[in-house]
Amino acid sequence: MAPALLLLVLVLSVSSAPDASVAQSDIGYISAVISESGLAFAKDLLVERAIDSLIPLRLHDIEKSVHIPLIGWVHMRAANITLSSIDVSSSTVKPGESGIVIVASGATASLSFDWSYSYSSWLIPIEISDKGRAFVQVEGMEVGLTMTMDRKNGTLELAVAQCGCYMENLVITLDGGASWFYQGFVYAFANHIQIAVEDAITQKIVEGAQKLDSLLQTLPKKIDVDKVSALNVTFVNDPILTNSSLELDIKGLFISSDKTYAHNYLHKMSKLSYTCYGEQKMLSISLDEAVLNSASVIYFQAGLLHWMVDKIPQQSLLNTASWKYLIPQLYKKYPNDDMVLNMSVTSPPDVWIISQKLGAVAFLDMTVIVLDGDARTPVACISMVVNVSGAVTISGNNLAGQVGLDDFTLSLKWSDVGKFHMSLIQGVVRVFLNTVFLPYVNLQLRQGFPLPIIKGFTLQNANILTTSSVMVVCSDLVFNKSISLFSSF
């Protein structure tokens, strides 16, 4: 059962950025809550995977000498004892203050082994022996496991608090053997076989839990988004267990590829763990708007929020002839010359989230550059404040989106072609924003960034809710059963 416990505690994420981030502060900007239905999904999967990991299970041989009336001392042996099948009729998972308790009950199991015996007595001076096959049906088997979880160095540390296996009844059927031997063998070996199976299953579970804990300590500490940034998902604070859910808080901020952190533009929200407002979903992931603002800072610091515009749908607008009535001195000084525009965001865009809406405010400088022969001459710079808003969508396990233009304001920063009124060029700038700026922004937003979901799991029927400064992704999960849980790393 233990190998599959990975799902229960890490259905959300693989850990995150360098350990230095842990020392900064125990503030989490992403919170993930596995609900009661999510825990049930995890439990069903882990029980299934646990059975796969246990079958077949080979036990140690058992030998014993037993005194049989009228026969004497008989040396008996059970070899090649193999647990070949387990069928679990019901199972439960229950989180609480003591940890996560997983119980598989009402289970049955099948075993087989080779039996043999030999003896000699004063009546028969030669040794007599026989051998055959035996089959065991286990009824009323129950397996229980209690795991504790703590945060350690930005990841999770798992420990087995209790583990046990109990079998109510064993029915042994021998293929061959005299009646006296059958009764003697069952009397001598039934309890030994039961204890051996119970101990072997318990040991396997503990070994799996220890292996899982070792894996957790070696998890990668970031989710790469692209060559520029990664998502820091270091666990902060200990997991919170209630009677019906498991909550994990992670750092959740973007970092650059050179491990630079975005602190200056961030703030701490109020309590982050929002619910799905009555929706019966397995998983809810709450993201503070600081997550999006950290991405804004990282891409701004990387110098990616500026670009040269030399082609637009209305290409004639990139010629001074189209501006001769709007900016007469421009056309007079540079008649019929082509132009390019240097669009540059001057500070990290401020991203905000409110009820049913997400948006951003961007401050841009648009520098007009005239192409006069081989010369590239900047002639004017217009500062803009652009407000956009739109919707967020889920694409696979990525958070994506699209925005539209709400409004913008213009001011002349400097000009070498005289003063001109901003109201006269509002329409032209609107065309630039709608045909150049927004398509560029939406291209990046459509690519999105990955939510912290382990490989092999996919969000299903996801909904997105927004409230003041927080976005909540509410979703069910599906698992690709062709992928091993351990290969998910």
Protein backbone atom coordinates (compact mmCIF):
# COMPACT_ATOMS: atom_id res chain seq x y z
CA MET A 1 0.00 0.00 0.00
CA ALA A 2 2.78 2.41 0.84
CA PRO A 3 4.18 3.20 -2.63
CA ALA A 4 0.89 4.74 -3.63
CA LEU A 5 0.80 7.06 -0.64
CA LEU A 6 2.62 9.51 -2.87
CA LEU A 7 -0.70 10.39 -4.43
CA LEU A 8 -2.27 11.20 -1.09
CA VAL A 9 0.34 13.70 0.00
CA LEU A 10 1.70 14.99 -3.31
CA VAL A 11 -1.26 15.09 -5.63
CA LEU A 12 -0.49 18.77 -5.75
CA SER A 13 3.12 19.41 -6.40
CA VAL A 14 6.76 18.61 -6.53
CA SER A 15 8.78 20.85 -4.28
CA SER A 16 10.50 24.06 -5.24
CA ALA A 17 13.28 26.57 -5.48
CA PRO A 18 16.50 26.73 -3.50
CA ASP A 19 16.48 26.22 0.23
CA ALA A 20 17.28 29.94 0.64
CA SER A 21 13.65 30.62 -0.13
CA VAL A 22 12.59 28.67 2.93
CA ALA A 23 14.65 30.92 5.15
CA GLN A 24 13.05 34.06 3.74
CA SER A 25 9.68 33.61 5.35
CA ASP A 26 7.00 30.99 5.83
CA ILE A 27 4.52 32.75 3.58
CA GLY A 28 2.61 30.67 1.07
CA TYR A 29 1.05 32.27 -2.00
CA ILE A 30 -0.47 29.05 -3.31
CA SER A 31 -2.63 26.83 -1.14
CA ALA A 32 -3.98 23.45 -2.21
CA VAL A 33 -6.74 21.58 -0.41
CA ILE A 34 -7.57 17.95 -1.10
CA SER A 35 -11.23 17.53 -0.19
CA GLU A 36 -13.01 14.46 1.16
CA SER A 37 -13.81 13.31 -2.38
CA GLY A 38 -10.19 13.92 -3.38
CA LEU A 39 -8.98 11.82 -0.48
CA ALA A 40 -11.39 9.07 -1.50
CA PHE A 41 -10.01 9.20 -5.05
CA ALA A 42 -6.48 9.01 -3.65
CA LYS A 43 -7.40 6.14 -1.39
CA ASP A 44 -8.95 4.10 -4.21
CA LEU A 45 -5.89 4.60 -6.36
CA LEU A 46 -3.40 3.84 -3.62
CA VAL A 47 -5.22 0.64 -2.61
CA GLU A 48 -5.21 -0.51 -6.22
CA ARG A 49 -1.52 0.31 -6.59
CA ALA A 50 -0.74 -1.27 -3.23
CA ILE A 51 -2.26 -4.57 -4.31
CA ASP A 52 -0.19 -4.46 -7.49
CA SER A 53 2.96 -3.91 -5.44
CA LEU A 54 2.18 -6.78 -3.04
CA ILE A 55 1.26 -9.43 -5.58
CA PRO A 56 2.94 -11.87 -5.77
CA LEU A 57 4.47 -11.91 -2.30
CA ARG A 58 6.87 -14.71 -1.41
CA LEU A 59 7.19 -15.74 2.24
CA HIS A 60 9.89 -17.65 4.05
CA ASP A 61 9.60 -21.41 4.29
CA ILE A 62 8.24 -22.87 7.53
CA GLU A 63 9.49 -26.10 9.08
CA LYS A 64 8.30 -27.80 12.22
CA SER A 65 8.39 -31.18 13.97
CA VAL A 66 5.08 -32.29 15.43
CA HIS A 67 4.26 -35.29 17.60
CA ILE A 68 1.31 -37.25 16.20
CA PRO A 69 -0.28 -39.90 18.43
CA LEU A 70 0.42 -43.45 17.22
CA ILE A 71 2.70 -42.01 14.53
CA GLY A 72 5.45 -40.32 16.47
CA TRP A 73 7.46 -37.27 15.53
CA VAL A 74 6.68 -35.98 12.06
CA HIS A 75 8.89 -33.38 10.32
CA MET A 76 6.65 -31.06 8.30
CA ARG A 77 7.60 -28.32 5.84
CA ALA A 78 5.72 -25.57 3.96
CA ALA A 79 7.80 -24.15 1.08
CA ASN A 80 7.27 -21.67 -1.75
CA ILE A 81 4.56 -19.90 0.23
CA THR A 82 3.17 -17.30 -2.19
CA LEU A 83 0.45 -14.71 -1.72
CA SER A 84 -1.15 -14.70 -5.19
CA SER A 85 -4.19 -12.46 -4.89
CA ILE A 86 -5.89 -9.91 -2.65
CA ASP A 87 -9.42 -8.62 -3.02
CA VAL A 88 -10.42 -5.55 -0.96
CA SER A 89 -14.14 -5.12 -0.47
CA SER A 90 -14.01 -1.76 1.29
CA SER A 91 -11.46 0.84 2.34
CA THR A 92 -11.45 4.18 4.10
CA VAL A 93 -9.13 7.13 4.54
CA LYS A 94 -9.43 9.55 7.41
CA PRO A 95 -7.23 12.57 8.13
CA GLY A 96 -6.93 13.86 11.65
CA GLU A 97 -4.59 15.33 14.23
CA SER A 98 -2.70 12.03 14.56
CA GLY A 99 -2.06 11.81 10.82
CA ILE A 100 -3.69 10.15 7.85
CA VAL A 101 -5.30 6.81 8.65
CA ILE A 102 -5.88 4.36 5.81
CA VAL A 103 -7.77 1.13 6.42
CA ALA A 104 -8.56 -1.68 3.98
CA SER A 105 -11.10 -4.03 5.53
CA GLY A 106 -13.18 -7.06 4.67
CA ALA A 107 -10.43 -8.25 2.36
CA THR A 108 -9.80 -11.78 1.15
CA ALA A 109 -6.58 -13.31 -0.09
CA SER A 110 -5.34 -16.48 -1.70
CA LEU A 111 -2.08 -18.30 -1.00
CA SER A 112 -0.47 -21.48 -2.21
CA PHE A 113 2.52 -23.51 -1.07
CA ASP A 114 4.24 -26.87 -1.35
CA TRP A 115 3.90 -29.20 1.62
CA SER A 116 5.97 -32.20 2.57
CA TYR A 117 6.48 -34.49 5.55
CA SER A 118 8.68 -37.34 6.63
CA TYR A 119 8.75 -39.65 9.64
CA SER A 120 9.80 -43.00 10.94
CA SER A 121 8.63 -44.93 14.00
CA TRP A 122 9.38 -48.04 15.95
CA LEU A 123 6.58 -49.75 14.02
CA ILE A 124 8.07 -48.83 10.64
CA PRO A 125 11.86 -48.61 10.75
CA ILE A 126 12.16 -47.02 7.30
CA GLU A 127 11.48 -43.32 6.64
CA ILE A 128 8.11 -42.50 5.12
CA SER A 129 7.57 -39.23 3.25
CA ASP A 130 5.04 -37.53 1.05
CA LYS A 131 4.51 -34.15 -0.59
CA GLY A 132 1.90 -32.13 -2.48
CA ARG A 133 0.30 -28.71 -2.98
CA ALA A 134 -1.85 -26.70 -0.60
CA PHE A 135 -4.13 -23.72 -1.04
CA VAL A 136 -5.13 -21.15 1.57
CA GLN A 137 -8.11 -18.83 1.52
CA VAL A 138 -7.81 -15.85 3.88
CA GLU A 139 -11.03 -14.28 5.08
CA GLY A 140 -11.70 -11.09 7.02
CA MET A 141 -8.30 -9.50 6.45
CA GLU A 142 -7.78 -5.91 7.58
CA VAL A 143 -4.77 -3.68 6.90
CA GLY A 144 -4.28 -0.34 8.63
CA LEU A 145 -1.69 2.41 8.26
CA THR A 146 -1.24 5.75 10.01
CA MET A 147 1.18 8.23 8.44
CA THR A 148 2.37 11.52 9.89
CA MET A 149 3.58 14.43 7.76
CA ASP A 150 5.81 17.34 8.59
CA ARG A 151 7.60 19.98 6.57
CA LYS A 152 11.34 19.56 6.27
CA ASN A 153 13.68 21.71 4.15
CA GLY A 154 10.86 22.83 1.89
CA THR A 155 9.47 19.37 1.23
CA LEU A 156 7.45 16.79 3.19
CA GLU A 157 8.75 14.22 5.62
CA LEU A 158 6.64 11.11 6.07
CA ALA A 159 6.79 8.67 8.98
CA VAL A 160 4.83 5.55 9.85
CA ALA A 161 3.13 6.02 13.20
CA GLN A 162 1.27 2.69 13.15
CA CYS A 163 0.96 -0.18 10.74
CA GLY A 164 -0.62 -3.58 11.07
CA CYS A 165 -2.33 -6.46 9.32
CA TYR A 166 -4.89 -8.81 10.86
CA MET A 167 -6.49 -11.95 9.45
CA GLU A 168 -9.68 -13.31 10.91
CA ASN A 169 -9.66 -16.82 9.46
CA LEU A 170 -7.62 -19.14 7.25
CA VAL A 171 -9.01 -22.12 5.37
CA ILE A 172 -6.27 -24.53 4.27
CA THR A 173 -6.99 -27.14 1.60
CA LEU A 174 -4.38 -29.85 1.02
CA ASP A 175 -4.00 -31.67 -2.25
CA GLY A 176 -3.27 -35.18 -1.01
CA GLY A 177 -2.16 -36.31 2.43
CA ALA A 178 -3.78 -38.67 4.91
CA SER A 179 -6.46 -37.47 7.27
CA TRP A 180 -4.15 -37.71 10.26
CA PHE A 181 -1.62 -35.55 8.42
CA TYR A 182 -4.20 -33.01 7.35
CA GLN A 183 -5.36 -32.38 10.89
CA GLY A 184 -1.85 -32.30 12.24
CA PHE A 185 -0.59 -29.99 9.56
CA VAL A 186 -3.44 -27.50 9.94
CA TYR A 187 -3.02 -27.55 13.71
CA ALA A 188 0.73 -27.00 13.49
CA PHE A 189 0.99 -24.54 10.60
CA ALA A 190 -2.18 -22.41 10.38
CA ASN A 191 -1.08 -19.94 13.04
CA HIS A 192 2.47 -19.77 11.68
CA ILE A 193 1.24 -19.04 8.15
CA GLN A 194 -1.12 -16.37 9.41
CA ILE A 195 1.58 -14.62 11.40
CA ALA A 196 4.04 -14.89 8.49
CA VAL A 197 1.58 -13.30 6.05
CA GLU A 198 0.60 -10.54 8.49
CA ASP A 199 4.24 -9.72 9.24
CA ALA A 200 5.27 -9.81 5.55
CA ILE A 201 2.48 -7.44 4.48
CA THR A 202 3.25 -5.06 7.34
CA GLN A 203 6.95 -5.09 6.50
CA LYS A 204 6.24 -4.39 2.82
CA ILE A 205 4.07 -1.42 3.73
CA VAL A 206 6.70 0.05 6.05
CA GLU A 207 9.43 -0.46 3.44
CA GLY A 208 7.30 1.27 0.83
CA ALA A 209 6.67 4.19 3.18
CA GLN A 210 10.38 4.55 3.85
CA LYS A 211 11.12 4.48 0.14
CA LEU A 212 8.48 7.12 -0.42
CA ASP A 213 9.97 9.33 2.28
CA SER A 214 13.39 9.01 0.61
CA LEU A 215 11.85 10.02 -2.70
CA LEU A 216 10.24 13.07 -1.16
CA GLN A 217 13.62 14.27 0.10
CA THR A 218 15.07 14.14 -3.42
CA LEU A 219 12.23 15.80 -5.31
CA PRO A 220 13.20 18.64 -7.68
CA LYS A 221 12.63 22.01 -6.09
CA LYS A 222 11.07 23.95 -8.92
CA ILE A 223 8.76 23.59 -11.90
CA ASP A 224 10.39 25.04 -14.99
CA VAL A 225 8.09 27.30 -17.00
CA ASP A 226 10.49 28.32 -19.75
CA LYS A 227 14.14 29.36 -20.16
CA VAL A 228 13.51 32.52 -18.16
CA SER A 229 11.43 31.49 -15.18
CA ALA A 230 10.40 28.65 -12.89
CA LEU A 231 7.63 28.27 -10.35
CA ASN A 232 8.83 28.03 -6.76
CA VAL A 233 6.57 25.57 -4.99
CA THR A 234 8.47 25.01 -1.76
CA PHE A 235 6.23 23.72 1.00
CA VAL A 236 5.81 26.26 3.78
CA ASN A 237 4.24 25.44 7.13
CA ASP A 238 3.24 21.95 8.18
CA PRO A 239 0.32 20.25 6.40
CA ILE A 240 -3.05 21.03 7.94
CA LEU A 241 -5.23 17.99 8.57
CA THR A 242 -8.92 18.30 9.38
CA ASN A 243 -11.57 15.60 9.64
CA SER A 244 -12.29 15.83 5.93
CA SER A 245 -9.38 17.48 4.13
CA LEU A 246 -5.66 17.94 3.73
CA GLU A 247 -4.21 21.40 3.10
CA LEU A 248 -0.72 22.12 1.78
CA ASP A 249 0.72 25.63 1.52
CA ILE A 250 3.55 26.31 -0.89
CA LYS A 251 5.65 29.35 -1.70
CA GLY A 252 4.20 29.66 -5.17
CA LEU A 253 6.22 32.59 -6.53
CA PHE A 254 8.04 32.81 -9.83
CA ILE A 255 11.82 32.86 -9.78
CA SER A 256 14.21 33.60 -12.61
CA SER A 257 16.58 31.03 -14.03
CA ASP A 258 19.43 32.64 -12.10
CA LYS A 259 17.42 32.25 -8.86
CA THR A 260 16.62 35.93 -8.48
CA TYR A 261 13.54 36.46 -6.32
CA ALA A 262 10.81 39.02 -6.86
CA HIS A 263 10.24 40.68 -3.50
CA ASN A 264 9.82 44.38 -4.08
CA TYR A 265 6.43 44.21 -5.74
CA LEU A 266 4.80 41.61 -3.52
CA HIS A 267 2.42 41.81 -0.62
CA LYS A 268 0.90 39.26 1.71
CA MET A 269 -2.77 38.50 1.37
CA SER A 270 -5.22 37.55 4.05
CA LYS A 271 -5.92 33.86 4.74
CA LEU A 272 -5.48 32.12 1.41
CA SER A 273 -7.29 28.79 1.65
CA TYR A 274 -10.60 29.57 -0.03
CA THR A 275 -13.18 26.90 -0.70
CA CYS A 276 -14.94 25.98 -3.91
CA TYR A 277 -18.18 27.46 -2.58
CA GLY A 278 -20.16 24.24 -2.43
CA GLU A 279 -18.74 22.61 -5.54
CA GLN A 280 -17.95 18.96 -4.89
CA LYS A 281 -14.46 18.88 -6.39
CA MET A 282 -11.50 16.74 -5.40
CA LEU A 283 -8.98 19.56 -5.37
CA SER A 284 -8.93 23.31 -4.90
CA ILE A 285 -5.84 25.41 -5.61
CA SER A 286 -5.87 29.00 -4.37
CA LEU A 287 -3.46 31.49 -5.93
CA ASP A 288 -2.87 34.96 -4.58
CA GLU A 289 -2.44 37.72 -7.15
CA ALA A 290 1.13 38.01 -5.85
CA VAL A 291 1.90 34.84 -7.85
CA LEU A 292 0.99 36.61 -11.09
CA ASN A 293 2.78 39.78 -10.02
CA SER A 294 5.95 37.80 -9.31
CA ALA A 295 5.82 36.55 -12.91
CA SER A 296 5.39 40.13 -14.07
CA VAL A 297 8.50 41.18 -12.13
CA ILE A 298 10.64 38.29 -13.39
CA TYR A 299 9.82 38.85 -17.07
CA PHE A 300 10.30 42.60 -16.68
CA GLN A 301 13.68 42.11 -15.03
CA ALA A 302 14.65 39.72 -17.83
CA GLY A 303 14.05 42.51 -20.36
CA LEU A 304 11.34 40.65 -22.23
CA LEU A 305 8.60 43.28 -22.03
CA HIS A 306 9.69 45.38 -24.97
CA TRP A 307 9.71 44.81 -28.70
CA MET A 308 10.22 46.59 -32.02
CA VAL A 309 7.15 46.91 -34.24
CA ASP A 310 7.84 47.10 -37.98
CA LYS A 311 4.80 45.27 -39.33
CA ILE A 312 1.15 45.73 -38.49
CA PRO A 313 -2.12 44.84 -40.25
CA GLN A 314 -2.52 48.48 -41.37
CA GLN A 315 1.03 48.86 -42.63
CA SER A 316 0.41 52.36 -43.99
CA LEU A 317 0.34 53.65 -40.43
CA LEU A 318 4.07 52.98 -40.27
CA ASN A 319 4.77 55.76 -42.76
CA THR A 320 4.94 59.47 -42.00
CA ALA A 321 2.42 60.16 -44.77
CA SER A 322 -0.36 58.72 -42.58
CA TRP A 323 0.53 61.19 -39.86
CA LYS A 324 0.86 64.39 -41.87
CA TYR A 325 -2.47 65.80 -40.63
CA LEU A 326 -1.97 64.57 -37.09
CA ILE A 327 1.68 65.58 -36.67
CA PRO A 328 2.42 68.01 -39.53
CA GLN A 329 6.05 68.62 -38.52
CA LEU A 330 6.78 64.91 -38.63
CA TYR A 331 5.72 64.64 -42.27
CA LYS A 332 7.37 67.94 -43.13
CA LYS A 333 10.70 66.90 -41.67
CA TYR A 334 10.56 63.26 -42.87
CA PRO A 335 8.22 63.08 -45.88
CA ASN A 336 7.07 59.58 -46.87
CA ASP A 337 9.60 57.84 -44.64
CA ASP A 338 8.86 54.50 -43.03
CA MET A 339 8.78 54.19 -39.29
CA VAL A 340 9.19 51.57 -36.57
CA LEU A 341 7.86 51.69 -33.05
CA ASN A 342 9.83 50.74 -29.96
CA MET A 343 7.21 49.49 -27.48
CA SER A 344 8.68 49.20 -24.00
CA VAL A 345 7.01 48.45 -20.67
CA THR A 346 8.63 50.78 -18.14
CA SER A 347 7.75 48.92 -14.93
CA PRO A 348 6.34 45.50 -14.04
CA PRO A 349 2.62 45.43 -14.94
CA ASP A 350 0.42 45.43 -11.86
CA VAL A 351 -1.89 42.39 -11.95
CA TRP A 352 -5.07 42.42 -9.91
CA ILE A 353 -7.89 39.99 -9.18
CA ILE A 354 -11.41 40.94 -8.16
CA SER A 355 -14.71 39.08 -8.16
CA GLN A 356 -15.33 37.50 -11.57
CA LYS A 357 -12.51 39.46 -13.18
CA LEU A 358 -8.77 39.58 -13.64
CA GLY A 359 -6.78 42.41 -15.16
CA ALA A 360 -3.60 44.43 -15.24
CA VAL A 361 -2.29 47.96 -15.55
CA ALA A 362 0.76 48.43 -17.79
CA PHE A 363 2.91 51.54 -18.20
CA LEU A 364 4.46 51.77 -21.67
CA ASP A 365 6.64 54.09 -23.65
CA MET A 366 6.10 54.09 -27.41
CA THR A 367 9.09 55.64 -29.16
CA VAL A 368 8.54 56.62 -32.79
CA ILE A 369 11.64 55.93 -34.89
CA VAL A 370 11.94 57.24 -38.48
CA LEU A 371 13.88 55.21 -41.04
CA ASP A 372 15.65 57.86 -43.10
CA GLY A 373 17.93 55.96 -45.45
CA ASP A 374 20.29 53.98 -43.26
CA ALA A 375 19.61 56.24 -40.30
CA ARG A 376 17.21 55.33 -37.49
CA THR A 377 16.10 58.55 -35.83
CA PRO A 378 13.94 58.64 -32.70
CA VAL A 379 11.58 61.59 -33.09
CA ALA A 380 9.03 61.32 -30.27
CA CYS A 381 8.06 59.26 -27.25
CA ILE A 382 4.50 58.80 -26.02
CA SER A 383 3.84 57.42 -22.53
CA MET A 384 0.77 55.26 -22.06
CA VAL A 385 -1.15 53.79 -19.17
CA VAL A 386 -3.01 50.74 -20.49
CA ASN A 387 -5.74 48.90 -18.59
CA VAL A 388 -6.68 45.40 -19.69
CA SER A 389 -8.89 42.69 -18.24
CA GLY A 390 -10.15 39.29 -19.23
CA ALA A 391 -10.73 35.69 -18.30
CA VAL A 392 -8.53 32.88 -17.06
CA THR A 393 -8.88 29.39 -18.50
CA ILE A 394 -7.49 25.93 -17.84
CA SER A 395 -5.57 24.27 -20.66
CA GLY A 396 -4.55 20.79 -19.55
CA ASN A 397 -2.70 21.44 -16.31
CA ASN A 398 -1.79 24.99 -17.32
CA LEU A 399 -3.36 28.23 -16.20
CA ALA A 400 -3.89 30.33 -19.32
CA GLY A 401 -5.93 33.40 -20.25
CA GLN A 402 -6.87 36.15 -22.64
CA VAL A 403 -7.38 39.88 -22.08
CA GLY A 404 -8.97 42.75 -23.93
CA LEU A 405 -8.43 46.48 -23.87
CA ASP A 406 -10.44 48.41 -21.30
CA ASP A 407 -9.02 51.90 -21.67
CA PHE A 408 -5.78 53.84 -21.94
CA THR A 409 -4.38 57.31 -21.41
CA LEU A 410 -1.65 59.11 -23.34
CA SER A 411 0.90 61.79 -22.55
CA LEU A 412 3.74 63.21 -24.62
CA LYS A 413 7.04 62.39 -22.96
CA TRP A 414 9.26 64.21 -25.44
CA SER A 415 9.22 65.25 -29.10
CA ASP A 416 11.65 66.51 -31.78
CA VAL A 417 8.80 67.26 -34.19
CA GLY A 418 6.91 69.79 -32.14
CA LYS A 419 4.05 69.44 -29.74
CA PHE A 420 0.90 67.64 -30.78
CA HIS A 421 -2.35 66.91 -29.06
CA MET A 422 -2.84 63.40 -27.70
CA SER A 423 -6.55 63.52 -28.48
CA LEU A 424 -5.71 63.65 -32.18
CA ILE A 425 -3.83 60.38 -32.16
CA GLN A 426 -6.11 58.40 -29.82
CA GLY A 427 -7.57 56.43 -32.72
CA VAL A 428 -4.18 55.55 -34.21
CA VAL A 429 -2.80 54.42 -30.84
CA ARG A 430 -5.90 52.32 -30.22
CA VAL A 431 -5.18 50.52 -33.48
CA PHE A 432 -1.61 49.86 -32.34
CA LEU A 433 -2.76 48.52 -28.99
CA ASN A 434 -5.42 46.25 -30.47
CA THR A 435 -3.33 44.94 -33.35
CA VAL A 436 0.14 44.82 -31.81
CA PHE A 437 0.20 45.05 -28.02
CA LEU A 438 -2.76 42.83 -27.13
CA PRO A 439 -1.99 40.05 -29.64
CA TYR A 440 1.54 39.86 -28.20
CA VAL A 441 0.24 39.73 -24.63
CA ASN A 442 -2.40 37.12 -25.46
CA LEU A 443 0.14 34.96 -27.25
CA GLN A 444 2.09 34.72 -24.01
CA LEU A 445 -1.04 34.20 -21.92
CA ARG A 446 -2.28 31.36 -24.12
CA GLN A 447 0.91 29.46 -23.38
CA GLY A 448 0.15 29.85 -19.70
CA PHE A 449 2.15 28.45 -16.82
CA PRO A 450 1.93 25.04 -15.15
CA LEU A 451 -0.06 24.48 -12.02
CA PRO A 452 1.80 22.28 -9.52
CA ILE A 453 0.37 18.91 -10.56
CA ILE A 454 2.40 15.69 -10.55
CA LYS A 455 3.08 14.05 -13.90
CA GLY A 456 0.42 11.48 -14.68
CA PHE A 457 -2.44 13.45 -13.12
CA THR A 458 -4.69 15.71 -15.17
CA LEU A 459 -7.26 18.25 -14.09
CA GLN A 460 -10.79 17.39 -15.18
CA ASN A 461 -13.96 19.52 -15.21
CA ALA A 462 -12.04 22.44 -13.76
CA ASN A 463 -13.73 25.70 -12.84
CA ILE A 464 -12.09 28.99 -11.89
CA LEU A 465 -13.49 31.29 -9.23
CA THR A 466 -12.12 34.74 -8.44
CA THR A 467 -12.57 36.89 -5.39
CA SER A 468 -10.70 39.80 -3.87
CA SER A 469 -6.99 39.23 -4.71
CA VAL A 470 -7.38 35.43 -4.97
CA MET A 471 -8.10 32.97 -7.76
CA VAL A 472 -9.37 29.47 -6.92
CA VAL A 473 -9.11 26.52 -9.31
CA CYS A 474 -11.66 23.85 -8.42
CA SER A 475 -11.18 20.55 -10.20
CA ASP A 476 -11.47 16.80 -10.20
CA LEU A 477 -8.50 14.65 -11.16
CA VAL A 478 -7.85 11.70 -13.43
CA PHE A 479 -4.76 9.50 -13.38
CA ASN A 480 -3.07 7.86 -16.34
CA LYS A 481 -2.78 4.31 -15.04
CA SER A 482 -0.12 3.46 -17.59
CA ILE A 483 2.28 5.70 -15.65
CA SER A 484 3.96 4.37 -12.54
CA LEU A 485 3.60 6.58 -9.50
CA PHE A 486 7.33 6.40 -8.90
CA SER A 487 8.08 7.31 -12.53
CA SER A 488 6.02 10.46 -12.01
CA PHE A 489 9.15 12.05 -10.60
